[in-house]
Protein backbone atom coordinates (compact mmCIF):
# COMPACT_ATOMS: atom_id res chain seq x y z
CA UNK A 1 54.57 8.76 -48.38
CA UNK A 2 53.73 11.69 -50.91
CA UNK A 3 52.34 14.41 -49.23
CA UNK A 4 49.50 14.43 -52.05
CA UNK A 5 48.86 10.75 -51.98
CA UNK A 6 48.48 11.09 -48.20
CA UNK A 7 45.92 13.52 -48.35
CA UNK A 8 44.30 11.98 -51.00
CA UNK A 9 44.11 8.97 -48.43
CA UNK A 10 42.91 10.84 -45.69
CA UNK A 11 39.96 12.26 -48.00
CA UNK A 12 39.12 9.03 -49.25
CA UNK A 13 38.71 7.52 -45.58
CA UNK A 14 36.55 10.67 -44.33
CA UNK A 15 34.07 10.54 -47.60
CA UNK A 16 33.91 6.76 -46.70
CA UNK A 17 33.17 7.69 -43.13
CA UNK A 18 30.62 10.39 -43.84
CA UNK A 19 28.65 7.80 -46.61
CA UNK A 20 28.22 5.15 -44.21
CA UNK A 21 28.23 7.07 -40.89
CA UNK A 22 25.10 9.31 -42.78
CA UNK A 23 23.48 6.37 -43.84
CA UNK A 24 23.61 5.14 -40.59
CA UNK A 25 22.21 8.24 -39.06
CA UNK A 26 19.29 8.01 -41.82
CA UNK A 27 18.34 4.65 -40.73
CA UNK A 28 18.58 5.04 -36.90
CA UNK A 29 16.06 8.28 -37.20
CA UNK A 30 13.86 6.11 -39.48
CA UNK A 31 13.58 3.38 -36.79
CA UNK A 32 13.56 5.94 -33.80
CA UNK A 33 10.47 8.00 -35.49
CA UNK A 34 8.99 5.25 -37.22
CA UNK A 35 8.56 3.53 -33.57
CA UNK A 36 7.45 6.87 -32.21
CA UNK A 37 4.77 7.18 -34.61
CA UNK A 38 3.57 3.45 -34.33
CA UNK A 39 3.31 3.92 -30.33
CA UNK A 40 0.87 7.18 -31.01
CA UNK A 41 -1.07 5.29 -33.63
CA UNK A 42 -1.18 2.17 -31.30
CA UNK A 43 -2.29 3.80 -28.48
CA UNK A 44 -3.85 6.67 -29.46
CA UNK A 45 -7.16 5.36 -29.87
CA UNK A 46 -7.54 4.65 -26.29
CA UNK A 47 -7.30 7.95 -25.15
CA UNK A 48 -10.57 9.39 -23.89
CA UNK A 49 -12.16 12.36 -22.50
CA UNK A 50 -12.78 12.67 -18.72
CA UNK A 51 -16.51 12.95 -19.85
CA UNK A 52 -16.72 9.93 -21.83
CA UNK A 53 -15.00 7.69 -19.28
CA UNK A 54 -17.36 8.99 -16.54
CA UNK A 55 -20.32 8.05 -18.61
CA UNK A 56 -19.09 4.95 -20.01
CA UNK A 57 -21.29 1.78 -18.62
CA UNK A 58 -18.06 -0.31 -18.33
CA UNK A 59 -16.31 0.53 -15.28
CA UNK A 60 -12.79 -0.25 -14.67
CA UNK A 61 -10.77 -2.36 -12.04
CA UNK A 62 -9.33 0.59 -10.80
CA UNK A 63 -8.04 4.23 -11.78
CA UNK A 64 -3.79 3.90 -12.32
CA UNK A 65 -2.29 7.35 -11.06
CA UNK A 66 1.16 7.46 -12.56
CA UNK A 67 3.90 9.23 -9.86
CA UNK A 68 5.89 12.11 -10.61
CA UNK A 69 8.12 14.10 -8.28
CA UNK A 70 7.37 14.97 -4.93
CA UNK A 71 8.89 18.22 -3.52
CA UNK A 72 10.99 18.04 -0.15
CA UNK A 73 8.49 18.90 1.82
CA UNK A 74 6.37 16.00 0.88
CA UNK A 75 3.78 18.16 -1.46
CA UNK A 76 3.25 16.83 -4.95
CA UNK A 77 4.58 19.06 -7.98
CA UNK A 78 2.34 20.62 -10.39
CA UNK A 79 2.63 17.79 -12.56
CA UNK A 80 1.36 15.32 -10.05
CA UNK A 81 -0.97 17.55 -8.13
CA UNK A 82 -2.88 17.57 -12.01
CA UNK A 83 -2.84 13.90 -12.43
CA UNK A 84 -3.99 13.37 -8.77
CA UNK A 85 -6.61 16.10 -9.27
CA UNK A 86 -8.07 13.98 -12.27
CA UNK A 87 -7.90 10.91 -10.85
CA UNK A 88 -9.83 11.70 -7.76
CA UNK A 89 -12.39 13.07 -9.95
CA UNK A 90 -12.83 10.39 -12.31
CA UNK A 91 -13.36 8.27 -8.84
CA UNK A 92 -15.65 10.95 -7.29
CA UNK A 93 -17.94 10.23 -10.80
CA UNK A 94 -17.81 6.62 -10.35
CA UNK A 95 -15.41 5.58 -13.30
CA UNK A 96 -14.08 3.04 -10.86
CA UNK A 97 -14.11 2.22 -7.19
CA UNK A 98 -10.45 1.82 -6.40
CA UNK A 99 -7.40 3.84 -7.10
CA UNK A 100 -3.86 2.65 -7.56
CA UNK A 101 -1.15 5.27 -6.92
CA UNK A 102 2.02 3.92 -8.97
CA UNK A 103 5.29 5.66 -8.08
CA UNK A 104 8.61 5.57 -6.32
CA UNK A 105 9.11 4.64 -3.20
CA UNK A 106 12.89 3.32 -3.71
CA UNK A 107 14.13 4.59 -0.40
CA UNK A 108 13.13 5.95 3.12
CA UNK A 109 13.63 9.52 2.33
CA UNK A 110 11.65 9.68 -0.91
CA UNK A 111 8.60 8.70 -1.12
CA UNK A 112 6.00 9.65 -3.99
CA UNK A 113 3.07 6.80 -3.41
CA UNK A 114 2.41 8.04 0.15
CA UNK A 115 2.32 11.90 -0.65
CA UNK A 116 -0.42 10.53 -3.59
CA UNK A 117 -2.51 8.69 -1.04
CA UNK A 118 -2.21 11.35 1.60
CA UNK A 119 -3.39 14.14 -0.91
CA UNK A 120 -6.34 11.62 -2.09
CA UNK A 121 -7.44 11.37 1.72
CA UNK A 122 -7.19 14.96 2.15
CA UNK A 123 -9.66 15.48 -0.85
CA UNK A 124 -12.57 12.67 0.55
CA UNK A 125 -11.19 9.64 -1.05
CA UNK A 126 -11.57 6.81 1.69
CA UNK A 127 -8.07 5.44 2.54
CA UNK A 128 -9.32 1.68 1.86
CA UNK A 129 -10.02 2.42 -1.59
CA UNK A 130 -6.52 3.57 -2.50
CA UNK A 131 -4.02 1.24 -3.15
CA UNK A 132 -0.10 2.09 -3.15
CA UNK A 133 2.50 0.61 -5.85
CA UNK A 134 5.66 1.45 -4.15
CA UNK A 135 7.92 -0.19 -6.71
CA UNK A 136 6.45 1.61 -9.73
CA UNK A 137 9.65 2.92 -10.60
CA UNK A 138 8.84 3.45 -14.49
CA UNK A 139 5.86 3.20 -16.72
CA UNK A 140 6.94 -0.05 -17.97
CA UNK A 141 7.19 -1.69 -14.10
CA UNK A 142 3.61 -0.01 -13.18
CA UNK A 143 1.95 -2.05 -15.78
CA UNK A 144 3.69 -4.86 -15.09
CA UNK A 145 2.76 -4.51 -11.44
CA UNK A 146 -0.77 -3.52 -12.15
CA UNK A 147 -1.40 -6.95 -14.07
CA UNK A 148 0.81 -9.19 -12.08
CA UNK A 149 0.53 -7.85 -8.51
CA UNK A 150 -2.81 -6.27 -8.42
CA UNK A 151 -4.43 -8.51 -11.09
CA UNK A 152 -6.21 -5.78 -12.80
CA UNK A 153 -7.85 -6.47 -16.25
CA UNK A 154 -8.92 -3.26 -16.94
CA UNK A 155 -7.65 0.22 -16.28
CA UNK A 156 -8.07 4.11 -16.50
CA UNK A 157 -4.61 5.47 -16.90
CA UNK A 158 -3.82 9.05 -15.94
CA UNK A 159 -1.15 11.01 -16.90
CA UNK A 160 -0.38 14.06 -19.31
CA UNK A 161 -0.48 13.18 -22.90
CA UNK A 162 2.67 12.91 -23.72
CA UNK A 163 3.40 10.39 -21.81
CA UNK A 164 0.00 8.76 -21.98
CA UNK A 165 0.53 7.16 -25.12
CA UNK A 166 3.70 5.44 -23.93
CA UNK A 167 2.05 4.39 -20.54
CA UNK A 168 -1.26 2.60 -22.44
CA UNK A 169 1.04 0.95 -25.02
CA UNK A 170 2.67 -0.52 -22.14
CA UNK A 171 -0.50 -1.58 -20.63
CA UNK A 172 -2.02 -2.73 -24.29
CA UNK A 173 1.46 -5.13 -23.95
CA UNK A 174 0.24 -6.75 -21.06
CA UNK A 175 -3.31 -7.72 -22.41
CA UNK A 176 -4.70 -4.60 -20.11
CA UNK A 177 -8.34 -2.97 -21.36
CA UNK A 178 -7.33 0.45 -20.75
CA UNK A 179 -8.46 3.93 -21.41
CA UNK A 180 -6.27 7.03 -20.96
CA UNK A 181 -7.43 10.56 -19.70
CA UNK A 182 -4.82 13.31 -20.02
CA UNK A 183 -4.59 15.52 -17.40
CA UNK A 184 -2.65 19.08 -19.01
CA UNK A 185 -3.66 22.23 -17.87
CA UNK A 186 -0.47 23.85 -17.69
CA UNK A 187 2.78 24.33 -19.23
CA UNK A 188 5.29 22.82 -17.08
CA UNK A 189 8.92 23.47 -16.58
CA UNK A 190 11.22 21.51 -18.78
CA UNK A 191 8.31 20.26 -21.09
CA UNK A 192 10.38 20.57 -24.20
CA UNK A 193 13.08 18.65 -22.80
CA UNK A 194 10.27 15.55 -21.24
CA UNK A 195 8.83 15.49 -24.60
CA UNK A 196 11.91 15.32 -26.89
CA UNK A 197 13.14 12.60 -23.97
CA UNK A 198 9.84 10.93 -24.43
CA UNK A 199 10.46 9.59 -28.16
CA UNK A 200 13.48 7.81 -26.88
CA UNK A 201 11.74 6.29 -23.80
CA UNK A 202 8.73 4.79 -26.01
CA UNK A 203 11.26 3.19 -28.44
CA UNK A 204 12.77 1.70 -25.14
CA UNK A 205 9.73 0.45 -23.94
CA UNK A 206 8.56 -1.17 -27.70
CA UNK A 207 12.00 -3.03 -26.74
CA UNK A 208 10.83 -3.65 -23.02
CA UNK A 209 7.55 -5.34 -24.15
CA UNK A 210 8.78 -7.50 -26.83
CA UNK A 211 11.08 -9.46 -24.07
CA UNK A 212 9.02 -8.54 -21.15
CA UNK A 213 11.88 -8.59 -18.54
CA UNK A 214 10.66 -8.60 -14.95
CA UNK A 215 10.39 -5.79 -12.75
CA UNK A 216 12.98 -4.72 -10.06
CA UNK A 217 10.74 -5.95 -7.44
CA UNK A 218 7.32 -7.96 -7.58
CA UNK A 219 6.09 -9.42 -4.81
CA UNK A 220 2.99 -11.32 -3.49
CA UNK A 221 -0.54 -10.97 -5.23
CA UNK A 222 -2.96 -7.47 -3.86
CA UNK A 223 -6.76 -7.95 -4.12
CA UNK A 224 -8.28 -4.76 -5.65
CA UNK A 225 -11.51 -6.35 -4.46
CA UNK A 226 -9.93 -5.75 -0.57
CA UNK A 227 -8.65 -2.78 1.11
CA UNK A 228 -6.00 -0.73 0.06
CA UNK A 229 -4.62 -0.70 3.67
CA UNK A 230 -2.88 -3.46 2.99
CA UNK A 231 -0.58 -1.24 0.85
CA UNK A 232 -0.09 0.54 3.97
CA UNK A 233 3.26 1.07 5.50
CA UNK A 234 3.62 3.64 7.81
CA UNK A 235 1.53 4.21 11.08
CA UNK A 236 -0.10 7.03 10.04
CA UNK A 237 -1.05 5.82 6.54
CA UNK A 238 -4.85 6.13 5.85
CA UNK A 239 -5.48 8.42 9.15
């Protein structure tokens, strides 16, 4: 093949690739950021201040605190501590008389929920008012299990604002009457990365809520009208 013809052929292929590849990238970006905007718009109306939730005449079935990293010494990281502090204040002020601690307890050597319950007990919350969701491995699973396992109909959800939109969106998809309270009082390490990743996570959860796959674990139902100690899995839980 003549070199000039070969070069023209290569250039034509590159132009075709750039044309269709660029179009696909634009469409992908529109879908991604359009979905992100949709989630934030739909869930944003359910975000309330602590004061509004506390003074509301309608009390929730439970306050749901979403898990985050626990340090090797069993102490909550700053993000989790702020979620817990906010959830505990809401409980103490009467927003609900039950707390669900939902997080990752997928192995013996990593346990968010017992650390969360212990922290709340140390702050004066009675053990029997604290339920542990040991299989809240994701935001979607936490909301699915709040509805199906704990039979909740209304929740106050506590997490950081960037995460709250997706949490509320997931809860709404399961028909939960939900309000959210953000607990941001600090700049967290890795904040920019988390907020960027959250855009993709919102799109993922929109897909999940359309299909509604079952969580990794389900199990027997647990009544929020009973004692949270039925969720204890350690001999010293609640002590």
